[in-house]
Amino acid sequence: TRRRDGFDKIYEVSWLNVFGPKLVESVGRERMLSTPA
């Protein structure tokens, strides 16, 4: 499943995270950039 889907959605938020463009767009770039962190 990991090999097929990769990191296909945000399952967890870790201490440090880098979300690729595909994942950013799936969440919404504006929402992603306005995350309280």
Full PDB file with SEQRES, HELIX, SHEET, SSBOND, CRYST1, ORIGX, SCALE, CONECT and MASTER records, all heavy atoms in Angstrom:
SEQRES   1 A   37  THR ARG ARG ARG ASP GLY PHE ASP LYS ILE TYR GLU VAL          
SEQRES   2 A   37  SER TRP LEU ASN VAL PHE GLY PRO LYS LEU VAL GLU SER          
SEQRES   3 A   37  VAL GLY ARG GLU ARG MET LEU SER THR PRO ALA                  
HELIX    1 AA1 ARG A    2  ASP A    5  1                                   4    
HELIX    2 AA2 PRO A   21  VAL A   27  1                                   7    
HELIX    3 AA3 ARG A   29  LEU A   33  1                                   5    
CRYST1    1.000    1.000    1.000  90.00  90.00  90.00 P 1           1          
ORIGX1      1.000000  0.000000  0.000000        0.00000                         
ORIGX2      0.000000  1.000000  0.000000        0.00000                         
ORIGX3      0.000000  0.000000  1.000000        0.00000                         
SCALE1      1.000000  0.000000  0.000000        0.00000                         
SCALE2      0.000000  1.000000  0.000000        0.00000                         
SCALE3      0.000000  0.000000  1.000000        0.00000                         
ATOM      1  N   THR A   1       0.832  -1.201   0.000  1.00  0.00           N  
ATOM      2  CA  THR A   1       0.000   0.000   0.000  1.00  0.00           C  
ATOM      3  C   THR A   1       0.862   1.244   0.000  1.00  0.00           C  
ATOM      4  O   THR A   1       0.594   2.210  -0.721  1.00  0.00           O  
ATOM      5  CB  THR A   1      -0.935   0.004   1.223  1.00  0.00           C  
ATOM      6  OG1 THR A   1      -1.710  -1.190   1.217  1.00  0.00           O  
ATOM      7  CG2 THR A   1      -1.864   1.207   1.190  1.00  0.00           C  
ATOM      8  N   ARG A   2       1.925   1.264   0.804  1.00  0.00           N  
ATOM      9  CA  ARG A   2       2.807   2.417   0.840  1.00  0.00           C  
ATOM     10  C   ARG A   2       3.469   2.640  -0.520  1.00  0.00           C  
ATOM     11  O   ARG A   2       3.596   3.766  -0.987  1.00  0.00           O  
ATOM     12  CB  ARG A   2       3.886   2.230   1.916  1.00  0.00           C  
ATOM     13  CG  ARG A   2       3.335   2.155   3.322  1.00  0.00           C  
ATOM     14  CD  ARG A   2       4.401   2.550   4.334  1.00  0.00           C  
ATOM     15  NE  ARG A   2       5.610   1.760   4.234  1.00  0.00           N  
ATOM     16  CZ  ARG A   2       5.834   0.653   4.942  1.00  0.00           C  
ATOM     17  NH1 ARG A   2       4.908   0.183   5.758  1.00  0.00           N  
ATOM     18  NH2 ARG A   2       6.968   0.012   4.818  1.00  0.00           N  
ATOM     19  N   ARG A   3       3.882   1.542  -1.136  1.00  0.00           N  
ATOM     20  CA  ARG A   3       4.554   1.661  -2.430  1.00  0.00           C  
ATOM     21  C   ARG A   3       3.593   2.206  -3.492  1.00  0.00           C  
ATOM     22  O   ARG A   3       3.963   2.995  -4.347  1.00  0.00           O  
ATOM     23  CB  ARG A   3       5.106   0.302  -2.846  1.00  0.00           C  
ATOM     24  CG  ARG A   3       5.990   0.343  -4.073  1.00  0.00           C  
ATOM     25  CD  ARG A   3       6.555  -1.036  -4.392  1.00  0.00           C  
ATOM     26  NE  ARG A   3       7.408  -1.526  -3.329  1.00  0.00           N  
ATOM     27  CZ  ARG A   3       7.154  -2.606  -2.591  1.00  0.00           C  
ATOM     28  NH1 ARG A   3       6.054  -3.290  -2.803  1.00  0.00           N  
ATOM     29  NH2 ARG A   3       7.974  -2.991  -1.649  1.00  0.00           N  
ATOM     30  N   ARG A   4       2.320   1.794  -3.420  1.00  0.00           N  
ATOM     31  CA  ARG A   4       1.341   2.204  -4.421  1.00  0.00           C  
ATOM     32  C   ARG A   4       0.874   3.642  -4.217  1.00  0.00           C  
ATOM     33  O   ARG A   4       0.808   4.430  -5.145  1.00  0.00           O  
ATOM     34  CB  ARG A   4       0.129   1.261  -4.365  1.00  0.00           C  
ATOM     35  CG  ARG A   4      -0.926   1.569  -5.429  1.00  0.00           C  
ATOM     36  CD  ARG A   4      -2.151   0.681  -5.270  1.00  0.00           C  
ATOM     37  NE  ARG A   4      -2.904   1.019  -4.062  1.00  0.00           N  
ATOM     38  CZ  ARG A   4      -3.101   0.187  -3.054  1.00  0.00           C  
ATOM     39  NH1 ARG A   4      -2.585  -1.027  -3.084  1.00  0.00           N  
ATOM     40  NH2 ARG A   4      -3.787   0.569  -1.987  1.00  0.00           N  
ATOM     41  N   ASP A   5       0.565   3.991  -2.950  1.00  0.00           N  
ATOM     42  CA  ASP A   5      -0.070   5.271  -2.679  1.00  0.00           C  
ATOM     43  C   ASP A   5       0.892   6.357  -2.235  1.00  0.00           C  
ATOM     44  O   ASP A   5       0.601   7.537  -2.359  1.00  0.00           O  
ATOM     45  CB  ASP A   5      -1.139   5.114  -1.589  1.00  0.00           C  
ATOM     46  CG  ASP A   5      -2.269   4.189  -2.031  1.00  0.00           C  
ATOM     47  OD1 ASP A   5      -2.427   4.008  -3.249  1.00  0.00           O  
ATOM     48  OD2 ASP A   5      -2.983   3.673  -1.153  1.00  0.00           O  
ATOM     49  N   GLY A   6       2.052   5.960  -1.702  1.00  0.00           N  
ATOM     50  CA  GLY A   6       2.935   6.948  -1.114  1.00  0.00           C  
ATOM     51  C   GLY A   6       2.255   7.609   0.073  1.00  0.00           C  
ATOM     52  O   GLY A   6       1.377   7.044   0.704  1.00  0.00           O  
ATOM     53  N   PHE A   7       2.673   8.833   0.364  1.00  0.00           N  
ATOM     54  CA  PHE A   7       2.060   9.590   1.457  1.00  0.00           C  
ATOM     55  C   PHE A   7       0.894  10.354   0.832  1.00  0.00           C  
ATOM     56  O   PHE A   7       1.021  11.487   0.398  1.00  0.00           O  
ATOM     57  CB  PHE A   7       3.093  10.528   2.076  1.00  0.00           C  
ATOM     58  CG  PHE A   7       2.727  10.994   3.454  1.00  0.00           C  
ATOM     59  CD1 PHE A   7       3.164  10.286   4.567  1.00  0.00           C  
ATOM     60  CD2 PHE A   7       1.948  12.120   3.655  1.00  0.00           C  
ATOM     61  CE1 PHE A   7       2.842  10.702   5.846  1.00  0.00           C  
ATOM     62  CE2 PHE A   7       1.627  12.545   4.928  1.00  0.00           C  
ATOM     63  CZ  PHE A   7       2.073  11.837   6.026  1.00  0.00           C  
ATOM     64  N   ASP A   8      -0.285   9.697   0.752  1.00  0.00           N  
ATOM     65  CA  ASP A   8      -1.385  10.206  -0.055  1.00  0.00           C  
ATOM     66  C   ASP A   8      -2.281  11.193   0.661  1.00  0.00           C  
ATOM     67  O   ASP A   8      -3.103  11.864   0.043  1.00  0.00           O  
ATOM     68  CB  ASP A   8      -2.222   9.046  -0.596  1.00  0.00           C  
ATOM     69  CG  ASP A   8      -2.746   8.146   0.514  1.00  0.00           C  
ATOM     70  OD1 ASP A   8      -2.177   8.168   1.614  1.00  0.00           O  
ATOM     71  OD2 ASP A   8      -3.720   7.421   0.259  1.00  0.00           O  
ATOM     72  N   LYS A   9      -2.173  11.279   1.974  1.00  0.00           N  
ATOM     73  CA  LYS A   9      -2.893  12.303   2.719  1.00  0.00           C  
ATOM     74  C   LYS A   9      -2.191  12.502   4.056  1.00  0.00           C  
ATOM     75  O   LYS A   9      -1.256  11.768   4.398  1.00  0.00           O  
ATOM     76  CB  LYS A   9      -4.355  11.921   2.920  1.00  0.00           C  
ATOM     77  CG  LYS A   9      -4.601  10.726   3.821  1.00  0.00           C  
ATOM     78  CD  LYS A   9      -6.113  10.507   3.986  1.00  0.00           C  
ATOM     79  CE  LYS A   9      -6.388   9.313   4.901  1.00  0.00           C  
ATOM     80  NZ  LYS A   9      -7.836   9.112   5.096  1.00  0.00           N  
ATOM     81  N   ILE A  10      -2.638  13.484   4.830  1.00  0.00           N  
ATOM     82  CA  ILE A  10      -1.977  13.791   6.095  1.00  0.00           C  
ATOM     83  C   ILE A  10      -2.540  12.875   7.175  1.00  0.00           C  
ATOM     84  O   ILE A  10      -3.618  13.115   7.713  1.00  0.00           O  
ATOM     85  CB  ILE A  10      -2.149  15.280   6.451  1.00  0.00           C  
ATOM     86  CG1 ILE A  10      -1.458  16.129   5.381  1.00  0.00           C  
ATOM     87  CG2 ILE A  10      -1.570  15.572   7.836  1.00  0.00           C  
ATOM     88  CD1 ILE A  10      -1.602  17.618   5.591  1.00  0.00           C  
ATOM     89  N   TYR A  11      -1.797  11.820   7.448  1.00  0.00           N  
ATOM     90  CA  TYR A  11      -2.184  10.876   8.490  1.00  0.00           C  
ATOM     91  C   TYR A  11      -1.798  11.409   9.870  1.00  0.00           C  
ATOM     92  O   TYR A  11      -2.512  11.214  10.845  1.00  0.00           O  
ATOM     93  CB  TYR A  11      -1.506   9.523   8.273  1.00  0.00           C  
ATOM     94  CG  TYR A  11      -1.986   8.792   7.055  1.00  0.00           C  
ATOM     95  CD1 TYR A  11      -1.425   9.047   5.804  1.00  0.00           C  
ATOM     96  CD2 TYR A  11      -2.992   7.838   7.142  1.00  0.00           C  
ATOM     97  CE1 TYR A  11      -1.860   8.374   4.680  1.00  0.00           C  
ATOM     98  CE2 TYR A  11      -3.432   7.153   6.028  1.00  0.00           C  
ATOM     99  CZ  TYR A  11      -2.864   7.427   4.793  1.00  0.00           C  
ATOM    100  OH  TYR A  11      -3.294   6.764   3.670  1.00  0.00           O  
ATOM    101  N   GLU A  12      -0.649  12.055   9.934  1.00  0.00           N  
ATOM    102  CA  GLU A  12      -0.129  12.588  11.188  1.00  0.00           C  
ATOM    103  C   GLU A  12       0.609  13.885  10.892  1.00  0.00           C  
ATOM    104  O   GLU A  12       1.087  14.104   9.774  1.00  0.00           O  
ATOM    105  CB  GLU A  12       0.853  11.597  11.844  1.00  0.00           C  
ATOM    106  CG  GLU A  12       0.213  10.348  12.405  1.00  0.00           C  
ATOM    107  CD  GLU A  12      -0.537  10.604  13.702  1.00  0.00           C  
ATOM    108  OE1 GLU A  12      -0.173  11.560  14.422  1.00  0.00           O  
ATOM    109  OE2 GLU A  12      -1.472   9.843  13.990  1.00  0.00           O  
ATOM    110  N   VAL A  13       0.713  14.715  11.907  1.00  0.00           N  
ATOM    111  CA  VAL A  13       1.582  15.879  11.830  1.00  0.00           C  
ATOM    112  C   VAL A  13       2.705  15.655  12.827  1.00  0.00           C  
ATOM    113  O   VAL A  13       2.461  15.467  14.025  1.00  0.00           O  
ATOM    114  CB  VAL A  13       0.828  17.184  12.146  1.00  0.00           C  
ATOM    115  CG1 VAL A  13       1.799  18.355  12.241  1.00  0.00           C  
ATOM    116  CG2 VAL A  13      -0.217  17.463  11.076  1.00  0.00           C  
ATOM    117  N   SER A  14       3.922  15.637  12.337  1.00  0.00           N  
ATOM    118  CA  SER A  14       5.089  15.371  13.166  1.00  0.00           C  
ATOM    119  C   SER A  14       5.688  16.688  13.651  1.00  0.00           C  
ATOM    120  O   SER A  14       5.198  17.776  13.336  1.00  0.00           O  
ATOM    121  CB  SER A  14       6.117  14.576  12.366  1.00  0.00           C  
ATOM    122  OG  SER A  14       5.551  13.368  11.898  1.00  0.00           O  
ATOM    123  N   TRP A  15       6.781  16.568  14.414  1.00  0.00           N  
ATOM    124  CA  TRP A  15       7.468  17.784  14.861  1.00  0.00           C  
ATOM    125  C   TRP A  15       7.905  18.607  13.645  1.00  0.00           C  
ATOM    126  O   TRP A  15       7.631  19.799  13.541  1.00  0.00           O  
ATOM    127  CB  TRP A  15       8.683  17.416  15.723  1.00  0.00           C  
ATOM    128  CG  TRP A  15       9.610  18.565  15.932  1.00  0.00           C  
ATOM    129  CD1 TRP A  15       9.347  19.709  16.637  1.00  0.00           C  
ATOM    130  CD2 TRP A  15      10.929  18.717  15.385  1.00  0.00           C  
ATOM    131  NE1 TRP A  15      10.425  20.567  16.568  1.00  0.00           N  
ATOM    132  CE2 TRP A  15      11.404  19.985  15.816  1.00  0.00           C  
ATOM    133  CE3 TRP A  15      11.748  17.905  14.603  1.00  0.00           C  
ATOM    134  CZ2 TRP A  15      12.671  20.448  15.462  1.00  0.00           C  
ATOM    135  CZ3 TRP A  15      13.007  18.365  14.258  1.00  0.00           C  
ATOM    136  CH2 TRP A  15      13.463  19.627  14.679  1.00  0.00           C  
ATOM    137  N   LEU A  16       8.577  17.971  12.693  1.00  0.00           N  
ATOM    138  CA  LEU A  16       8.991  18.621  11.452  1.00  0.00           C  
ATOM    139  C   LEU A  16       8.326  17.902  10.291  1.00  0.00           C  
ATOM    140  O   LEU A  16       8.295  16.667  10.254  1.00  0.00           O  
ATOM    141  CB  LEU A  16      10.515  18.590  11.306  1.00  0.00           C  
ATOM    142  CG  LEU A  16      11.121  19.204  10.042  1.00  0.00           C  
ATOM    143  CD1 LEU A  16      12.520  19.734  10.335  1.00  0.00           C  
ATOM    144  CD2 LEU A  16      11.194  18.199   8.891  1.00  0.00           C  
ATOM    145  N   ASN A  17       7.810  18.678   9.327  1.00  0.00           N  
ATOM    146  CA  ASN A  17       7.134  18.110   8.171  1.00  0.00           C  
ATOM    147  C   ASN A  17       7.510  18.889   6.924  1.00  0.00           C  
ATOM    148  O   ASN A  17       7.650  20.121   6.973  1.00  0.00           O  
ATOM    149  CB  ASN A  17       5.606  18.199   8.321  1.00  0.00           C  
ATOM    150  CG  ASN A  17       5.114  17.742   9.688  1.00  0.00           C  
ATOM    151  OD1 ASN A  17       4.690  16.612   9.850  1.00  0.00           O  
ATOM    152  ND2 ASN A  17       5.162  18.643  10.684  1.00  0.00           N  
ATOM    153  N   VAL A  18       7.682  18.195   5.815  1.00  0.00           N  
ATOM    154  CA  VAL A  18       7.738  18.843   4.515  1.00  0.00           C  
ATOM    155  C   VAL A  18       6.689  18.157   3.654  1.00  0.00           C  
ATOM    156  O   VAL A  18       6.746  16.942   3.434  1.00  0.00           O  
ATOM    157  CB  VAL A  18       9.121  18.731   3.845  1.00  0.00           C  
ATOM    158  CG1 VAL A  18       9.088  19.448   2.488  1.00  0.00           C  
ATOM    159  CG2 VAL A  18      10.209  19.323   4.726  1.00  0.00           C  
ATOM    160  N   PHE A  19       5.719  18.945   3.200  1.00  0.00           N  
ATOM    161  CA  PHE A  19       4.658  18.421   2.363  1.00  0.00           C  
ATOM    162  C   PHE A  19       4.945  18.818   0.923  1.00  0.00           C  
ATOM    163  O   PHE A  19       5.126  19.999   0.613  1.00  0.00           O  
ATOM    164  CB  PHE A  19       3.303  18.969   2.802  1.00  0.00           C  
ATOM    165  CG  PHE A  19       2.957  18.657   4.239  1.00  0.00           C  
ATOM    166  CD1 PHE A  19       2.813  19.662   5.179  1.00  0.00           C  
ATOM    167  CD2 PHE A  19       2.801  17.334   4.647  1.00  0.00           C  
ATOM    168  CE1 PHE A  19       2.498  19.371   6.496  1.00  0.00           C  
ATOM    169  CE2 PHE A  19       2.492  17.031   5.968  1.00  0.00           C  
ATOM    170  CZ  PHE A  19       2.346  18.051   6.890  1.00  0.00           C  
ATOM    171  N   GLY A  20       4.985  17.817   0.035  1.00  0.00           N  
ATOM    172  CA  GLY A  20       5.250  18.080  -1.368  1.00  0.00           C  
ATOM    173  C   GLY A  20       4.096  18.797  -2.031  1.00  0.00           C  
ATOM    174  O   GLY A  20       2.989  18.861  -1.493  1.00  0.00           O  
ATOM    175  N   PRO A  21       4.326  19.351  -3.244  1.00  0.00           N  
ATOM    176  CA  PRO A  21       3.295  20.140  -3.935  1.00  0.00           C  
ATOM    177  C   PRO A  21       1.977  19.400  -4.109  1.00  0.00           C  
ATOM    178  O   PRO A  21       0.902  20.002  -3.959  1.00  0.00           O  
ATOM    179  CB  PRO A  21       3.943  20.450  -5.289  1.00  0.00           C  
ATOM    180  CG  PRO A  21       5.414  20.410  -5.015  1.00  0.00           C  
ATOM    181  CD  PRO A  21       5.603  19.349  -3.981  1.00  0.00           C  
ATOM    182  N   LYS A  22       2.015  18.107  -4.401  1.00  0.00           N  
ATOM    183  CA  LYS A  22       0.782  17.350  -4.601  1.00  0.00           C  
ATOM    184  C   LYS A  22      -0.046  17.322  -3.329  1.00  0.00           C  
ATOM    185  O   LYS A  22      -1.272  17.520  -3.355  1.00  0.00           O  
ATOM    186  CB  LYS A  22       1.128  15.926  -5.052  1.00  0.00           C  
ATOM    187  CG  LYS A  22      -0.074  15.050  -5.324  1.00  0.00           C  
ATOM    188  CD  LYS A  22       0.360  13.665  -5.795  1.00  0.00           C  
ATOM    189  CE  LYS A  22      -0.849  12.769  -6.020  1.00  0.00           C  
ATOM    190  NZ  LYS A  22      -0.438  11.393  -6.445  1.00  0.00           N  
ATOM    191  N   LEU A  23       0.620  17.090  -2.211  1.00  0.00           N  
ATOM    192  CA  LEU A  23      -0.090  17.041  -0.940  1.00  0.00           C  
ATOM    193  C   LEU A  23      -0.571  18.433  -0.537  1.00  0.00           C  
ATOM    194  O   LEU A  23      -1.672  18.592   0.016  1.00  0.00           O  
ATOM    195  CB  LEU A  23       0.823  16.457   0.143  1.00  0.00           C  
ATOM    196  CG  LEU A  23       0.163  15.959   1.433  1.00  0.00           C  
ATOM    197  CD1 LEU A  23      -0.952  14.971   1.145  1.00  0.00           C  
ATOM    198  CD2 LEU A  23       1.201  15.321   2.339  1.00  0.00           C  
ATOM    199  N   VAL A  24       0.226  19.451  -0.835  1.00  0.00           N  
ATOM    200  CA  VAL A  24      -0.172  20.823  -0.529  1.00  0.00           C  
ATOM    201  C   VAL A  24      -1.452  21.183  -1.275  1.00  0.00           C  
ATOM    202  O   VAL A  24      -2.390  21.764  -0.706  1.00  0.00           O  
ATOM    203  CB  VAL A  24       0.962  21.811  -0.877  1.00  0.00           C  
ATOM    204  CG1 VAL A  24       0.468  23.262  -0.757  1.00  0.00           C  
ATOM    205  CG2 VAL A  24       2.155  21.591   0.029  1.00  0.00           C  
ATOM    206  N   GLU A  25      -1.486  20.839  -2.548  1.00  0.00           N  
ATOM    207  CA  GLU A  25      -2.665  21.177  -3.352  1.00  0.00           C  
ATOM    208  C   GLU A  25      -3.893  20.399  -2.890  1.00  0.00           C  
ATOM    209  O   GLU A  25      -5.016  20.910  -2.955  1.00  0.00           O  
ATOM    210  CB  GLU A  25      -2.391  20.907  -4.835  1.00  0.00           C  
ATOM    211  CG  GLU A  25      -1.297  21.782  -5.441  1.00  0.00           C  
ATOM    212  CD  GLU A  25      -1.526  23.274  -5.220  1.00  0.00           C  
ATOM    213  OE1 GLU A  25      -2.702  23.701  -5.238  1.00  0.00           O  
ATOM    214  OE2 GLU A  25      -0.535  24.001  -5.025  1.00  0.00           O  
ATOM    215  N   SER A  26      -3.703  19.176  -2.433  1.00  0.00           N  
ATOM    216  CA  SER A  26      -4.854  18.385  -1.971  1.00  0.00           C  
ATOM    217  C   SER A  26      -5.464  18.992  -0.705  1.00  0.00           C  
ATOM    218  O   SER A  26      -6.667  18.914  -0.484  1.00  0.00           O  
ATOM    219  CB  SER A  26      -4.443  16.932  -1.714  1.00  0.00           C  
ATOM    220  OG  SER A  26      -3.614  16.828  -0.567  1.00  0.00           O  
ATOM    221  N   VAL A  27      -4.635  19.605   0.123  1.00  0.00           N  
ATOM    222  CA  VAL A  27      -5.121  20.273   1.335  1.00  0.00           C  
ATOM    223  C   VAL A  27      -5.636  21.663   1.005  1.00  0.00           C  
ATOM    224  O   VAL A  27      -6.624  22.134   1.577  1.00  0.00           O  
ATOM    225  CB  VAL A  27      -3.991  20.361   2.385  1.00  0.00           C  
ATOM    226  CG1 VAL A  27      -4.396  21.237   3.572  1.00  0.00           C  
ATOM    227  CG2 VAL A  27      -3.617  18.970   2.871  1.00  0.00           C  
ATOM    228  N   GLY A  28      -4.976  22.315   0.050  1.00  0.00           N  
ATOM    229  CA  GLY A  28      -5.250  23.714  -0.257  1.00  0.00           C  
ATOM    230  C   GLY A  28      -4.068  24.541   0.202  1.00  0.00           C  
ATOM    231  O   GLY A  28      -3.756  24.561   1.395  1.00  0.00           O  
ATOM    232  N   ARG A  29      -3.418  25.217  -0.758  1.00  0.00           N  
ATOM    233  CA  ARG A  29      -2.191  25.937  -0.417  1.00  0.00           C  
ATOM    234  C   ARG A  29      -2.452  27.023   0.626  1.00  0.00           C  
ATOM    235  O   ARG A  29      -1.671  27.204   1.571  1.00  0.00           O  
ATOM    236  CB  ARG A  29      -1.560  26.517  -1.688  1.00  0.00           C  
ATOM    237  CG  ARG A  29      -0.184  27.151  -1.465  1.00  0.00           C  
ATOM    238  CD  ARG A  29       0.489  27.432  -2.803  1.00  0.00           C  
ATOM    239  NE  ARG A  29       0.787  26.170  -3.492  1.00  0.00           N  
ATOM    240  CZ  ARG A  29       1.872  25.428  -3.287  1.00  0.00           C  
ATOM    241  NH1 ARG A  29       2.785  25.840  -2.412  1.00  0.00           N  
ATOM    242  NH2 ARG A  29       2.060  24.307  -3.955  1.00  0.00           N  
ATOM    243  N   GLU A  30      -3.548  27.729   0.481  1.00  0.00           N  
ATOM    244  CA  GLU A  30      -3.848  28.793   1.431  1.00  0.00           C  
ATOM    245  C   GLU A  30      -4.058  28.233   2.833  1.00  0.00           C  
ATOM    246  O   GLU A  30      -3.559  28.782   3.820  1.00  0.00           O  
ATOM    247  CB  GLU A  30      -5.087  29.566   0.970  1.00  0.00           C  
ATOM    248  CG  GLU A  30      -5.416  30.759   1.851  1.00  0.00           C  
ATOM    249  CD  GLU A  30      -6.599  31.560   1.313  1.00  0.00           C  
ATOM    250  OE1 GLU A  30      -7.000  31.345   0.157  1.00  0.00           O  
ATOM    251  OE2 GLU A  30      -7.125  32.406   2.080  1.00  0.00           O  
ATOM    252  N   ARG A  31      -4.804  27.135   2.896  1.00  0.00           N  
ATOM    253  CA  ARG A  31      -5.018  26.512   4.209  1.00  0.00           C  
ATOM    254  C   ARG A  31      -3.691  26.023   4.788  1.00  0.00           C  
ATOM    255  O   ARG A  31      -3.413  26.195   5.978  1.00  0.00           O  
ATOM    256  CB  ARG A  31      -6.012  25.354   4.090  1.00  0.00           C  
ATOM    257  CG  ARG A  31      -6.153  24.525   5.385  1.00  0.00           C  
ATOM    258  CD  ARG A  31      -7.283  23.535   5.310  1.00  0.00           C  
ATOM    259  NE  ARG A  31      -8.560  24.186   5.435  1.00  0.00           N  
ATOM    260  CZ  ARG A  31      -9.159  24.502   6.581  1.00  0.00           C  
ATOM    261  NH1 ARG A  31      -8.547  24.225   7.730  1.00  0.00           N  
ATOM    262  NH2 ARG A  31     -10.322  25.079   6.613  1.00  0.00           N  
ATOM    263  N   MET A  32      -2.886  25.398   3.960  1.00  0.00           N  
ATOM    264  CA  MET A  32      -1.599  24.879   4.431  1.00  0.00           C  
ATOM    265  C   MET A  32      -0.739  26.016   4.999  1.00  0.00           C  
ATOM    266  O   MET A  32      -0.156  25.900   6.089  1.00  0.00           O  
ATOM    267  CB  MET A  32      -0.869  24.185   3.292  1.00  0.00           C  
ATOM    268  CG  MET A  32       0.489  23.607   3.637  1.00  0.00           C  
ATOM    269  SD  MET A  32       0.422  22.057   4.572  1.00  0.00           S  
ATOM    270  CE  MET A  32      -0.036  20.885   3.288  1.00  0.00           C  
ATOM    271  N   LEU A  33      -0.662  27.124   4.280  1.00  0.00           N  
ATOM    272  CA  LEU A  33       0.202  28.219   4.706  1.00  0.00           C  
ATOM    273  C   LEU A  33      -0.339  28.971   5.914  1.00  0.00           C  
ATOM    274  O   LEU A  33       0.406  29.710   6.568  1.00  0.00           O  
ATOM    275  CB  LEU A  33       0.420  29.187   3.543  1.00  0.00           C  
ATOM    276  CG  LEU A  33       1.228  28.623   2.360  1.00  0.00           C  
ATOM    277  CD1 LEU A  33       1.268  29.608   1.208  1.00  0.00           C  
ATOM    278  CD2 LEU A  33       2.648  28.274   2.807  1.00  0.00           C  
ATOM    279  N   SER A  34      -1.605  28.808   6.221  1.00  0.00           N  
ATOM    280  CA  SER A  34      -2.188  29.477   7.383  1.00  0.00           C  
ATOM    281  C   SER A  34      -2.232  28.565   8.608  1.00  0.00           C  
ATOM    282  O   SER A  34      -2.871  28.888   9.611  1.00  0.00           O  
ATOM    283  CB  SER A  34      -3.611  29.963   7.063  1.00  0.00           C  
ATOM    284  OG  SER A  34      -4.471  28.860   6.785  1.00  0.00           O  
ATOM    285  N   THR A  35      -1.532  27.434   8.554  1.00  0.00           N  
ATOM    286  CA  THR A  35      -1.516  26.490   9.673  1.00  0.00           C  
ATOM    287  C   THR A  35      -0.924  27.147  10.917  1.00  0.00           C  
ATOM    288  O   THR A  35       0.167  27.747  10.843  1.00  0.00           O  
ATOM    289  CB  THR A  35      -0.680  25.249   9.315  1.00  0.00           C  
ATOM    290  OG1 THR A  35      -1.198  24.654   8.139  1.00  0.00           O  
ATOM    291  CG2 THR A  35      -0.732  24.223  10.449  1.00  0.00           C  
ATOM    292  N   PRO A  36      -1.609  27.045  12.070  1.00  0.00           N  
ATOM    293  CA  PRO A  36      -1.022  27.573  13.315  1.00  0.00           C  
ATOM    294  C   PRO A  36       0.120  26.672  13.771  1.00  0.00           C  
ATOM    295  O   PRO A  36      -0.101  25.560  14.234  1.00  0.00           O  
ATOM    296  CB  PRO A  36      -2.200  27.542  14.296  1.00  0.00           C  
ATOM    297  CG  PRO A  36      -3.105  26.473  13.785  1.00  0.00           C  
ATOM    298  CD  PRO A  36      -2.950  26.472  12.283  1.00  0.00           C  
ATOM    299  N   ALA A  37       1.345  27.111  13.600  1.00  0.00           N  
ATOM    300  CA  ALA A  37       2.528  26.308  13.945  1.00  0.00           C  
ATOM    301  C   ALA A  37       3.691  27.244  14.215  1.00  0.00           C  
ATOM    302  O   ALA A  37       3.643  28.441  13.913  1.00  0.00           O  
ATOM    303  CB  ALA A  37       2.868  25.327  12.818  1.00  0.00           C  
TER     304      ALA A  37                                                      
MASTER        0    0    0    3    0    0    0    6  303    1    0    3          
END                                                                             
